Amino acid sequence: MKTHTRQSPRQEAKAERNLYQAILTLRTVDECRAFFRDLCTPAELQAMSDRWAVVEWLERGLPYREIHKQTGVSVTTITRVARYVGAGNGGYDIAARRMANGKSASVVGR
């Protein structure tokens, strides 16, 4: 088993911020796809894609069981996403609103 040396909270915060800065440099869907395919495992990408798909269904007001039926995502994951949509950090809402308004990064950067 691989041993992981724990970083200080300050180092962790810097590493996290650097990750977000790297993501902000990406300009197209293809660049994002390449970056995330390098960064994440296929299972991690699938989990994130599933969660994002759930946001769309939740915004339509569908019951959790119907979302599960349509997506195959577990009711536990749907519940978790719904909790963050309603009382998270606002990230889902920002992205969903901008996508609805056609303001993705590639559009804004033009």
PDB file of N, CA and C in Angstrom:
ATOM      1  N   MET A   1       0.841  -1.179   0.000  1.00  0.00           N
ATOM      2  CA  MET A   1       0.000   0.000   0.000  1.00  0.00           C
ATOM      3  C   MET A   1       0.883   1.238   0.000  1.00  0.00           C
ATOM      4  N   LYS A   2       0.521   2.210  -0.800  1.00  0.00           N
ATOM      5  CA  LYS A   2       1.289   3.440  -0.933  1.00  0.00           C
ATOM      6  C   LYS A   2       1.026   4.348   0.268  1.00  0.00           C
ATOM      7  N   THR A   3       2.114   4.859   0.850  1.00  0.00           N
ATOM      8  CA  THR A   3       1.990   5.780   1.966  1.00  0.00           C
ATOM      9  C   THR A   3       1.978   7.196   1.424  1.00  0.00           C
ATOM     10  N   HIS A   4       1.035   8.000   1.892  1.00  0.00           N
ATOM     11  CA  HIS A   4       0.908   9.379   1.428  1.00  0.00           C
ATOM     12  C   HIS A   4       1.252  10.322   2.571  1.00  0.00           C
ATOM     13  N   THR A   5       2.266  11.136   2.352  1.00  0.00           N
ATOM     14  CA  THR A   5       2.645  12.123   3.353  1.00  0.00           C
ATOM     15  C   THR A   5       1.624  13.247   3.331  1.00  0.00           C
ATOM     16  N   ARG A   6       1.078  13.546   4.462  1.00  0.00           N
ATOM     17  CA  ARG A   6       0.049  14.576   4.585  1.00  0.00           C
ATOM     18  C   ARG A   6       0.661  15.958   4.462  1.00  0.00           C
ATOM     19  N   GLN A   7       0.086  16.778   3.595  1.00  0.00           N
ATOM     20  CA  GLN A   7       0.515  18.162   3.448  1.00  0.00           C
ATOM     21  C   GLN A   7      -0.127  18.998   4.543  1.00  0.00           C
ATOM     22  N   SER A   8       0.469  20.136   4.802  1.00  0.00           N
ATOM     23  CA  SER A   8      -0.145  21.064   5.747  1.00  0.00           C
ATOM     24  C   SER A   8      -1.416  21.619   5.107  1.00  0.00           C
ATOM     25  N   PRO A   9      -2.362  22.102   5.913  1.00  0.00           N
ATOM     26  CA  PRO A   9      -3.574  22.705   5.345  1.00  0.00           C
ATOM     27  C   PRO A   9      -3.244  23.825   4.351  1.00  0.00           C
ATOM     28  N   ARG A  10      -2.204  24.563   4.624  1.00  0.00           N
ATOM     29  CA  ARG A  10      -1.809  25.658   3.732  1.00  0.00           C
ATOM     30  C   ARG A  10      -1.334  25.106   2.382  1.00  0.00           C
ATOM     31  N   GLN A  11      -0.540  24.033   2.419  1.00  0.00           N
ATOM     32  CA  GLN A  11      -0.063  23.414   1.184  1.00  0.00           C
ATOM     33  C   GLN A  11      -1.227  22.809   0.398  1.00  0.00           C
ATOM     34  N   GLU A  12      -2.163  22.184   1.109  1.00  0.00           N
ATOM     35  CA  GLU A  12      -3.335  21.602   0.449  1.00  0.00           C
ATOM     36  C   GLU A  12      -4.166  22.678  -0.228  1.00  0.00           C
ATOM     37  N   ALA A  13      -4.363  23.797   0.457  1.00  0.00           N
ATOM     38  CA  ALA A  13      -5.139  24.902  -0.105  1.00  0.00           C
ATOM     39  C   ALA A  13      -4.452  25.460  -1.350  1.00  0.00           C
ATOM     40  N   LYS A  14      -3.133  25.563  -1.302  1.00  0.00           N
ATOM     41  CA  LYS A  14      -2.392  26.079  -2.456  1.00  0.00           C
ATOM     42  C   LYS A  14      -2.498  25.113  -3.629  1.00  0.00           C
ATOM     43  N   ALA A  15      -2.361  23.819  -3.366  1.00  0.00           N
ATOM     44  CA  ALA A  15      -2.467  22.821  -4.422  1.00  0.00           C
ATOM     45  C   ALA A  15      -3.863  22.840  -5.049  1.00  0.00           C
ATOM     46  N   GLU A  16      -4.892  22.977  -4.215  1.00  0.00           N
ATOM     47  CA  GLU A  16      -6.262  23.035  -4.716  1.00  0.00           C
ATOM     48  C   GLU A  16      -6.465  24.280  -5.572  1.00  0.00           C
ATOM     49  N   ARG A  17      -5.981  25.413  -5.091  1.00  0.00           N
ATOM     50  CA  ARG A  17      -6.097  26.661  -5.857  1.00  0.00           C
ATOM     51  C   ARG A  17      -5.364  26.556  -7.191  1.00  0.00           C
ATOM     52  N   ASN A  18      -4.184  25.931  -7.182  1.00  0.00           N
ATOM     53  CA  ASN A  18      -3.427  25.750  -8.424  1.00  0.00           C
ATOM     54  C   ASN A  18      -4.195  24.882  -9.416  1.00  0.00           C
ATOM     55  N   LEU A  19      -4.884  23.868  -8.918  1.00  0.00           N
ATOM     56  CA  LEU A  19      -5.710  23.036  -9.781  1.00  0.00           C
ATOM     57  C   LEU A  19      -6.792  23.879 -10.454  1.00  0.00           C
ATOM     58  N   TYR A  20      -7.480  24.693  -9.672  1.00  0.00           N
ATOM     59  CA  TYR A  20      -8.543  25.524 -10.234  1.00  0.00           C
ATOM     60  C   TYR A  20      -7.978  26.529 -11.227  1.00  0.00           C
ATOM     61  N   GLN A  21      -6.806  27.066 -10.948  1.00  0.00           N
ATOM     62  CA  GLN A  21      -6.159  27.996 -11.879  1.00  0.00           C
ATOM     63  C   GLN A  21      -5.847  27.278 -13.190  1.00  0.00           C
ATOM     64  N   ALA A  22      -5.380  26.048 -13.107  1.00  0.00           N
ATOM     65  CA  ALA A  22      -5.088  25.271 -14.320  1.00  0.00           C
ATOM     66  C   ALA A  22      -6.365  25.052 -15.132  1.00  0.00           C
ATOM     67  N   ILE A  23      -7.452  24.735 -14.461  1.00  0.00           N
ATOM     68  CA  ILE A  23      -8.730  24.518 -15.154  1.00  0.00           C
ATOM     69  C   ILE A  23      -9.175  25.797 -15.857  1.00  0.00           C
ATOM     70  N   LEU A  24      -8.967  26.929 -15.214  1.00  0.00           N
ATOM     71  CA  LEU A  24      -9.364  28.203 -15.818  1.00  0.00           C
ATOM     72  C   LEU A  24      -8.566  28.559 -17.065  1.00  0.00           C
ATOM     73  N   THR A  25      -7.429  27.908 -17.286  1.00  0.00           N
ATOM     74  CA  THR A  25      -6.653  28.186 -18.504  1.00  0.00           C
ATOM     75  C   THR A  25      -7.234  27.485 -19.720  1.00  0.00           C
ATOM     76  N   LEU A  26      -8.088  26.494 -19.508  1.00  0.00           N
ATOM     77  CA  LEU A  26      -8.641  25.705 -20.602  1.00  0.00           C
ATOM     78  C   LEU A  26      -9.714  26.508 -21.324  1.00  0.00           C
ATOM     79  N   ARG A  27      -9.706  26.428 -22.666  1.00  0.00           N
ATOM     80  CA  ARG A  27     -10.574  27.309 -23.445  1.00  0.00           C
ATOM     81  C   ARG A  27     -11.692  26.607 -24.207  1.00  0.00           C
ATOM     82  N   THR A  28     -11.552  25.321 -24.419  1.00  0.00           N
ATOM     83  CA  THR A  28     -12.566  24.611 -25.212  1.00  0.00           C
ATOM     84  C   THR A  28     -12.971  23.317 -24.513  1.00  0.00           C
ATOM     85  N   VAL A  29     -14.069  22.767 -24.966  1.00  0.00           N
ATOM     86  CA  VAL A  29     -14.520  21.481 -24.433  1.00  0.00           C
ATOM     87  C   VAL A  29     -13.456  20.416 -24.699  1.00  0.00           C
ATOM     88  N   ASP A  30     -12.851  20.445 -25.868  1.00  0.00           N
ATOM     89  CA  ASP A  30     -11.821  19.450 -26.180  1.00  0.00           C
ATOM     90  C   ASP A  30     -10.616  19.579 -25.264  1.00  0.00           C
ATOM     91  N   GLU A  31     -10.215  20.807 -24.931  1.00  0.00           N
ATOM     92  CA  GLU A  31      -9.113  20.995 -23.980  1.00  0.00           C
ATOM     93  C   GLU A  31      -9.492  20.479 -22.602  1.00  0.00           C
ATOM     94  N   CYS A  32     -10.717  20.764 -22.182  1.00  0.00           N
ATOM     95  CA  CYS A  32     -11.186  20.266 -20.874  1.00  0.00           C
ATOM     96  C   CYS A  32     -11.221  18.746 -20.868  1.00  0.00           C
ATOM     97  N   ARG A  33     -11.723  18.163 -21.939  1.00  0.00           N
ATOM     98  CA  ARG A  33     -11.793  16.706 -22.033  1.00  0.00           C
ATOM     99  C   ARG A  33     -10.398  16.104 -21.904  1.00  0.00           C
ATOM    100  N   ALA A  34      -9.434  16.643 -22.633  1.00  0.00           N
ATOM    101  CA  ALA A  34      -8.065  16.121 -22.583  1.00  0.00           C
ATOM    102  C   ALA A  34      -7.487  16.251 -21.172  1.00  0.00           C
ATOM    103  N   PHE A  35      -7.687  17.402 -20.557  1.00  0.00           N
ATOM    104  CA  PHE A  35      -7.162  17.644 -19.214  1.00  0.00           C
ATOM    105  C   PHE A  35      -7.764  16.676 -18.205  1.00  0.00           C
ATOM    106  N   PHE A  36      -9.096  16.567 -18.202  1.00  0.00           N
ATOM    107  CA  PHE A  36      -9.756  15.714 -17.221  1.00  0.00           C
ATOM    108  C   PHE A  36      -9.488  14.232 -17.477  1.00  0.00           C
ATOM    109  N   ARG A  37      -9.319  13.840 -18.731  1.00  0.00           N
ATOM    110  CA  ARG A  37      -8.969  12.446 -19.014  1.00  0.00           C
ATOM    111  C   ARG A  37      -7.556  12.118 -18.534  1.00  0.00           C
ATOM    112  N   ASP A  38      -6.676  13.116 -18.552  1.00  0.00           N
ATOM    113  CA  ASP A  38      -5.336  12.923 -17.994  1.00  0.00           C
ATOM    114  C   ASP A  38      -5.371  12.922 -16.471  1.00  0.00           C
ATOM    115  N   LEU A  39      -6.200  13.758 -15.889  1.00  0.00           N
ATOM    116  CA  LEU A  39      -6.246  13.969 -14.444  1.00  0.00           C
ATOM    117  C   LEU A  39      -7.003  12.867 -13.697  1.00  0.00           C
ATOM    118  N   CYS A  40      -8.094  12.408 -14.273  1.00  0.00           N
ATOM    119  CA  CYS A  40      -9.021  11.524 -13.555  1.00  0.00           C
ATOM    120  C   CYS A  40      -9.041  10.120 -14.146  1.00  0.00           C
ATOM    121  N   THR A  41      -9.448   9.183 -13.309  1.00  0.00           N
ATOM    122  CA  THR A  41      -9.685   7.827 -13.798  1.00  0.00           C
ATOM    123  C   THR A  41     -11.024   7.812 -14.539  1.00  0.00           C
ATOM    124  N   PRO A  42     -11.247   6.812 -15.381  1.00  0.00           N
ATOM    125  CA  PRO A  42     -12.561   6.710 -16.034  1.00  0.00           C
ATOM    126  C   PRO A  42     -13.716   6.668 -15.028  1.00  0.00           C
ATOM    127  N   ALA A  43     -13.522   5.991 -13.899  1.00  0.00           N
ATOM    128  CA  ALA A  43     -14.583   5.924 -12.881  1.00  0.00           C
ATOM    129  C   ALA A  43     -14.859   7.297 -12.270  1.00  0.00           C
ATOM    130  N   GLU A  44     -13.806   8.077 -12.034  1.00  0.00           N
ATOM    131  CA  GLU A  44     -13.997   9.433 -11.490  1.00  0.00           C
ATOM    132  C   GLU A  44     -14.740  10.324 -12.481  1.00  0.00           C
ATOM    133  N   LEU A  45     -14.375  10.219 -13.749  1.00  0.00           N
ATOM    134  CA  LEU A  45     -15.071  10.999 -14.776  1.00  0.00           C
ATOM    135  C   LEU A  45     -16.536  10.600 -14.866  1.00  0.00           C
ATOM    136  N   GLN A  46     -16.802   9.297 -14.794  1.00  0.00           N
ATOM    137  CA  GLN A  46     -18.181   8.823 -14.850  1.00  0.00           C
ATOM    138  C   GLN A  46     -18.983   9.342 -13.660  1.00  0.00           C
ATOM    139  N   ALA A  47     -18.384   9.319 -12.479  1.00  0.00           N
ATOM    140  CA  ALA A  47     -19.072   9.811 -11.280  1.00  0.00           C
ATOM    141  C   ALA A  47     -19.403  11.294 -11.417  1.00  0.00           C
ATOM    142  N   MET A  48     -18.457  12.084 -11.913  1.00  0.00           N
ATOM    143  CA  MET A  48     -18.717  13.523 -12.082  1.00  0.00           C
ATOM    144  C   MET A  48     -19.770  13.771 -13.150  1.00  0.00           C
ATOM    145  N   SER A  49     -19.693  13.023 -14.250  1.00  0.00           N
ATOM    146  CA  SER A  49     -20.693  13.162 -15.318  1.00  0.00           C
ATOM    147  C   SER A  49     -22.083  12.803 -14.811  1.00  0.00           C
ATOM    148  N   ASP A  50     -22.161  11.723 -14.041  1.00  0.00           N
ATOM    149  CA  ASP A  50     -23.445  11.313 -13.465  1.00  0.00           C
ATOM    150  C   ASP A  50     -24.014  12.413 -12.577  1.00  0.00           C
ATOM    151  N   ARG A  51     -23.178  12.974 -11.719  1.00  0.00           N
ATOM    152  CA  ARG A  51     -23.656  14.027 -10.811  1.00  0.00           C
ATOM    153  C   ARG A  51     -24.165  15.232 -11.587  1.00  0.00           C
ATOM    154  N   TRP A  52     -23.436  15.610 -12.634  1.00  0.00           N
ATOM    155  CA  TRP A  52     -23.867  16.767 -13.425  1.00  0.00           C
ATOM    156  C   TRP A  52     -25.187  16.459 -14.138  1.00  0.00           C
ATOM    157  N   ALA A  53     -25.348  15.242 -14.646  1.00  0.00           N
ATOM    158  CA  ALA A  53     -26.606  14.859 -15.293  1.00  0.00           C
ATOM    159  C   ALA A  53     -27.767  14.940 -14.306  1.00  0.00           C
ATOM    160  N   VAL A  54     -27.519  14.563 -13.066  1.00  0.00           N
ATOM    161  CA  VAL A  54     -28.562  14.621 -12.031  1.00  0.00           C
ATOM    162  C   VAL A  54     -29.020  16.060 -11.805  1.00  0.00           C
ATOM    163  N   VAL A  55     -28.099  17.010 -11.843  1.00  0.00           N
ATOM    164  CA  VAL A  55     -28.463  18.425 -11.653  1.00  0.00           C
ATOM    165  C   VAL A  55     -29.530  18.825 -12.666  1.00  0.00           C
ATOM    166  N   GLU A  56     -29.337  18.449 -13.913  1.00  0.00           N
ATOM    167  CA  GLU A  56     -30.300  18.798 -14.959  1.00  0.00           C
ATOM    168  C   GLU A  56     -31.684  18.220 -14.667  1.00  0.00           C
ATOM    169  N   TRP A  57     -31.717  16.956 -14.226  1.00  0.00           N
ATOM    170  CA  TRP A  57     -32.998  16.322 -13.919  1.00  0.00           C
ATOM    171  C   TRP A  57     -33.658  16.945 -12.692  1.00  0.00           C
ATOM    172  N   LEU A  58     -32.848  17.295 -11.690  1.00  0.00           N
ATOM    173  CA  LEU A  58     -33.395  17.938 -10.493  1.00  0.00           C
ATOM    174  C   LEU A  58     -34.018  19.281 -10.842  1.00  0.00           C
ATOM    175  N   GLU A  59     -33.385  20.020 -11.730  1.00  0.00           N
ATOM    176  CA  GLU A  59     -33.932  21.320 -12.125  1.00  0.00           C
ATOM    177  C   GLU A  59     -35.280  21.191 -12.826  1.00  0.00           C
ATOM    178  N   ARG A  60     -35.518  20.045 -13.426  1.00  0.00           N
ATOM    179  CA  ARG A  60     -36.806  19.789 -14.075  1.00  0.00           C
ATOM    180  C   ARG A  60     -37.873  19.384 -13.063  1.00  0.00           C
ATOM    181  N   GLY A  61     -37.447  19.152 -11.816  1.00  0.00           N
ATOM    182  CA  GLY A  61     -38.392  18.823 -10.763  1.00  0.00           C
ATOM    183  C   GLY A  61     -38.801  17.363 -10.697  1.00  0.00           C
ATOM    184  N   LEU A  62     -38.037  16.492 -11.331  1.00  0.00           N
ATOM    185  CA  LEU A  62     -38.391  15.078 -11.303  1.00  0.00           C
ATOM    186  C   LEU A  62     -38.132  14.455  -9.936  1.00  0.00           C
ATOM    187  N   PRO A  63     -38.974  13.507  -9.526  1.00  0.00           N
ATOM    188  CA  PRO A  63     -38.740  12.772  -8.277  1.00  0.00           C
ATOM    189  C   PRO A  63     -37.440  11.960  -8.384  1.00  0.00           C
ATOM    190  N   TYR A  64     -36.823  11.724  -7.246  1.00  0.00           N
ATOM    191  CA  TYR A  64     -35.546  11.009  -7.220  1.00  0.00           C
ATOM    192  C   TYR A  64     -35.627   9.642  -7.889  1.00  0.00           C
ATOM    193  N   ARG A  65     -36.691   8.913  -7.627  1.00  0.00           N
ATOM    194  CA  ARG A  65     -36.832   7.569  -8.210  1.00  0.00           C
ATOM    195  C   ARG A  65     -36.921   7.641  -9.734  1.00  0.00           C
ATOM    196  N   GLU A  66     -37.572   8.672 -10.244  1.00  0.00           N
ATOM    197  CA  GLU A  66     -37.660   8.840 -11.700  1.00  0.00           C
ATOM    198  C   GLU A  66     -36.296   9.202 -12.276  1.00  0.00           C
ATOM    199  N   ILE A  67     -35.539  10.041 -11.568  1.00  0.00           N
ATOM    200  CA  ILE A  67     -34.175  10.377 -12.007  1.00  0.00           C
ATOM    201  C   ILE A  67     -33.334   9.105 -12.043  1.00  0.00           C
ATOM    202  N   HIS A  68     -33.452   8.288 -11.003  1.00  0.00           N
ATOM    203  CA  HIS A  68     -32.728   7.017 -10.965  1.00  0.00           C
ATOM    204  C   HIS A  68     -33.109   6.150 -12.167  1.00  0.00           C
ATOM    205  N   LYS A  69     -34.402   6.082 -12.446  1.00  0.00           N
ATOM    206  CA  LYS A  69     -34.892   5.274 -13.560  1.00  0.00           C
ATOM    207  C   LYS A  69     -34.332   5.787 -14.892  1.00  0.00           C
ATOM    208  N   GLN A  70     -34.260   7.103 -15.057  1.00  0.00           N
ATOM    209  CA  GLN A  70     -33.789   7.696 -16.311  1.00  0.00           C
ATOM    210  C   GLN A  70     -32.272   7.623 -16.475  1.00  0.00           C
ATOM    211  N   THR A  71     -31.532   7.724 -15.355  1.00  0.00           N
ATOM    212  CA  THR A  71     -30.071   7.858 -15.434  1.00  0.00           C
ATOM    213  C   THR A  71     -29.294   6.641 -14.959  1.00  0.00           C
ATOM    214  N   GLY A  72     -29.913   5.832 -14.095  1.00  0.00           N
ATOM    215  CA  GLY A  72     -29.192   4.718 -13.487  1.00  0.00           C
ATOM    216  C   GLY A  72     -28.338   5.138 -12.300  1.00  0.00           C
ATOM    217  N   VAL A  73     -28.334   6.414 -11.970  1.00  0.00           N
ATOM    218  CA  VAL A  73     -27.576   6.927 -10.824  1.00  0.00           C
ATOM    219  C   VAL A  73     -28.320   6.528  -9.547  1.00  0.00           C
ATOM    220  N   SER A  74     -27.557   6.129  -8.527  1.00  0.00           N
ATOM    221  CA  SER A  74     -28.182   5.672  -7.289  1.00  0.00           C
ATOM    222  C   SER A  74     -28.964   6.799  -6.616  1.00  0.00           C
ATOM    223  N   VAL A  75     -30.008   6.412  -5.904  1.00  0.00           N
ATOM    224  CA  VAL A  75     -30.818   7.385  -5.170  1.00  0.00           C
ATOM    225  C   VAL A  75     -29.957   8.084  -4.115  1.00  0.00           C
ATOM    226  N   THR A  76     -28.979   7.384  -3.552  1.00  0.00           N
ATOM    227  CA  THR A  76     -28.070   7.998  -2.573  1.00  0.00           C
ATOM    228  C   THR A  76     -27.289   9.144  -3.217  1.00  0.00           C
ATOM    229  N   THR A  77     -26.763   8.922  -4.413  1.00  0.00           N
ATOM    230  CA  THR A  77     -26.018   9.977  -5.114  1.00  0.00           C
ATOM    231  C   THR A  77     -26.950  11.115  -5.501  1.00  0.00           C
ATOM    232  N   ILE A  78     -28.138  10.788  -5.952  1.00  0.00           N
ATOM    233  CA  ILE A  78     -29.113  11.822  -6.313  1.00  0.00           C
ATOM    234  C   ILE A  78     -29.434  12.682  -5.102  1.00  0.00           C
ATOM    235  N   THR A  79     -29.621  12.059  -3.948  1.00  0.00           N
ATOM    236  CA  THR A  79     -29.903  12.788  -2.714  1.00  0.00           C
ATOM    237  C   THR A  79     -28.741  13.713  -2.353  1.00  0.00           C
ATOM    238  N   ARG A  80     -27.516  13.211  -2.492  1.00  0.00           N
ATOM    239  CA  ARG A  80     -26.327  14.005  -2.186  1.00  0.00           C
ATOM    240  C   ARG A  80     -26.234  15.218  -3.120  1.00  0.00           C
ATOM    241  N   VAL A  81     -26.450  14.995  -4.413  1.00  0.00           N
ATOM    242  CA  VAL A  81     -26.407  16.103  -5.372  1.00  0.00           C
ATOM    243  C   VAL A  81     -27.501  17.112  -5.040  1.00  0.00           C
ATOM    244  N   ALA A  82     -28.695  16.637  -4.748  1.00  0.00           N
ATOM    245  CA  ALA A  82     -29.808  17.534  -4.425  1.00  0.00           C
ATOM    246  C   ALA A  82     -29.489  18.391  -3.198  1.00  0.00           C
ATOM    247  N   ARG A  83     -28.826  17.789  -2.218  1.00  0.00           N
ATOM    248  CA  ARG A  83     -28.444  18.537  -1.015  1.00  0.00           C
ATOM    249  C   ARG A  83     -27.500  19.681  -1.378  1.00  0.00           C
ATOM    250  N   TYR A  84     -26.529  19.410  -2.260  1.00  0.00           N
ATOM    251  CA  TYR A  84     -25.577  20.451  -2.647  1.00  0.00           C
ATOM    252  C   TYR A  84     -26.179  21.463  -3.610  1.00  0.00           C
ATOM    253  N   VAL A  85     -27.141  21.041  -4.415  1.00  0.00           N
ATOM    254  CA  VAL A  85     -27.843  22.000  -5.269  1.00  0.00           C
ATOM    255  C   VAL A  85     -28.581  23.002  -4.389  1.00  0.00           C
ATOM    256  N   GLY A  86     -29.203  22.492  -3.330  1.00  0.00           N
ATOM    257  CA  GLY A  86     -30.001  23.353  -2.451  1.00  0.00           C
ATOM    258  C   GLY A  86     -29.208  24.118  -1.416  1.00  0.00           C
ATOM    259  N   ALA A  87     -28.154  23.511  -0.879  1.00  0.00           N
ATOM    260  CA  ALA A  87     -27.452  24.148   0.251  1.00  0.00           C
ATOM    261  C   ALA A  87     -25.944  23.935   0.177  1.00  0.00           C
ATOM    262  N   GLY A  88     -25.422  23.926  -1.022  1.00  0.00           N
ATOM    263  CA  GLY A  88     -23.979  23.741  -1.184  1.00  0.00           C
ATOM    264  C   GLY A  88     -23.266  25.081  -1.265  1.00  0.00           C
ATOM    265  N   ASN A  89     -22.256  25.121  -2.091  1.00  0.00           N
ATOM    266  CA  ASN A  89     -21.444  26.328  -2.254  1.00  0.00           C
ATOM    267  C   ASN A  89     -21.900  27.200  -3.422  1.00  0.00           C
ATOM    268  N   GLY A  90     -22.939  26.765  -4.119  1.00  0.00           N
ATOM    269  CA  GLY A  90     -23.474  27.543  -5.238  1.00  0.00           C
ATOM    270  C   GLY A  90     -22.854  27.214  -6.589  1.00  0.00           C
ATOM    271  N   GLY A  91     -21.912  26.289  -6.615  1.00  0.00           N
ATOM    272  CA  GLY A  91     -21.228  25.961  -7.864  1.00  0.00           C
ATOM    273  C   GLY A  91     -22.131  25.344  -8.914  1.00  0.00           C
ATOM    274  N   TYR A  92     -22.987  24.406  -8.499  1.00  0.00           N
ATOM    275  CA  TYR A  92     -23.909  23.796  -9.453  1.00  0.00           C
ATOM    276  C   TYR A  92     -24.801  24.878 -10.070  1.00  0.00           C
ATOM    277  N   ASP A  93     -25.309  25.761  -9.227  1.00  0.00           N
ATOM    278  CA  ASP A  93     -26.232  26.798  -9.688  1.00  0.00           C
ATOM    279  C   ASP A  93     -25.545  27.744 -10.672  1.00  0.00           C
ATOM    280  N   ILE A  94     -24.331  28.161 -10.352  1.00  0.00           N
ATOM    281  CA  ILE A  94     -23.600  29.068 -11.254  1.00  0.00           C
ATOM    282  C   ILE A  94     -23.430  28.423 -12.619  1.00  0.00           C
ATOM    283  N   ALA A  95     -22.937  27.195 -12.635  1.00  0.00           N
ATOM    284  CA  ALA A  95     -22.691  26.510 -13.907  1.00  0.00           C
ATOM    285  C   ALA A  95     -23.995  26.272 -14.672  1.00  0.00           C
ATOM    286  N   ALA A  96     -25.033  25.850 -13.976  1.00  0.00           N
ATOM    287  CA  ALA A  96     -26.310  25.575 -14.639  1.00  0.00           C
ATOM    288  C   ALA A  96     -26.893  26.853 -15.243  1.00  0.00           C
ATOM    289  N   ARG A  97     -26.852  27.944 -14.494  1.00  0.00           N
ATOM    290  CA  ARG A  97     -27.367  29.225 -15.017  1.00  0.00           C
ATOM    291  C   ARG A  97     -26.577  29.683 -16.231  1.00  0.00           C
ATOM    292  N   ARG A  98     -25.264  29.582 -16.155  1.00  0.00           N
ATOM    293  CA  ARG A  98     -24.435  30.029 -17.275  1.00  0.00           C
ATOM    294  C   ARG A  98     -24.644  29.160 -18.503  1.00  0.00           C
ATOM    295  N   MET A  99     -24.796  27.866 -18.304  1.00  0.00           N
ATOM    296  CA  MET A  99     -25.062  26.993 -19.451  1.00  0.00           C
ATOM    297  C   MET A  99     -26.423  27.321 -20.062  1.00  0.00           C
ATOM    298  N   ALA A 100     -27.413  27.592 -19.222  1.00  0.00           N
ATOM    299  CA  ALA A 100     -28.748  27.935 -19.711  1.00  0.00           C
ATOM    300  C   ALA A 100     -28.709  29.240 -20.499  1.00  0.00           C
ATOM    301  N   ASN A 101     -27.820  30.138 -20.116  1.00  0.00           N
ATOM    302  CA  ASN A 101     -27.689  31.424 -20.793  1.00  0.00           C
ATOM    303  C   ASN A 101     -26.684  31.387 -21.944  1.00  0.00           C
ATOM    304  N   GLY A 102     -26.108  30.208 -22.197  1.00  0.00           N
ATOM    305  CA  GLY A 102     -25.149  30.083 -23.289  1.00  0.00           C
ATOM    306  C   GLY A 102     -23.810  30.741 -23.009  1.00  0.00           C
ATOM    307  N   LYS A 103     -23.434  30.825 -21.733  1.00  0.00           N
ATOM    308  CA  LYS A 103     -22.200  31.512 -21.362  1.00  0.00           C
ATOM    309  C   LYS A 103     -21.146  30.547 -20.883  1.00  0.00           C
ATOM    310  N   SER A 104     -20.776  29.589 -21.710  1.00  0.00           N
ATOM    311  CA  SER A 104     -19.686  28.697 -21.326  1.00  0.00           C
ATOM    312  C   SER A 104     -18.377  29.428 -21.520  1.00  0.00           C
ATOM    313  N   ALA A 105     -17.295  28.876 -21.011  1.00  0.00           N
ATOM    314  CA  ALA A 105     -15.986  29.516 -21.098  1.00  0.00           C
ATOM    315  C   ALA A 105     -15.591  29.810 -22.538  1.00  0.00           C
ATOM    316  N   SER A 106     -15.909  28.901 -23.455  1.00  0.00           N
ATOM    317  CA  SER A 106     -15.515  29.118 -24.840  1.00  0.00           C
ATOM    318  C   SER A 106     -16.288  30.267 -25.459  1.00  0.00           C
ATOM    319  N   VAL A 107     -17.525  30.515 -24.979  1.00  0.00           N
ATOM    320  CA  VAL A 107     -18.309  31.644 -25.488  1.00  0.00           C
ATOM    321  C   VAL A 107     -17.816  32.940 -24.872  1.00  0.00           C
ATOM    322  N   VAL A 108     -17.559  32.926 -23.560  1.00  0.00           N
ATOM    323  CA  VAL A 108     -17.122  34.132 -22.865  1.00  0.00           C
ATOM    324  C   VAL A 108     -15.768  34.590 -23.389  1.00  0.00           C
ATOM    325  N   GLY A 109     -14.895  33.631 -23.707  1.00  0.00           N
ATOM    326  CA  GLY A 109     -13.545  33.968 -24.134  1.00  0.00           C
ATOM    327  C   GLY A 109     -13.453  34.543 -25.537  1.00  0.00           C
ATOM    328  N   ARG A 110     -14.529  34.569 -26.291  1.00  0.00           N
ATOM    329  CA  ARG A 110     -14.481  35.079 -27.672  1.00  0.00           C
ATOM    330  C   ARG A 110     -14.399  36.569 -27.715  1.00  0.00           C
TER     331      ARG A 110
END
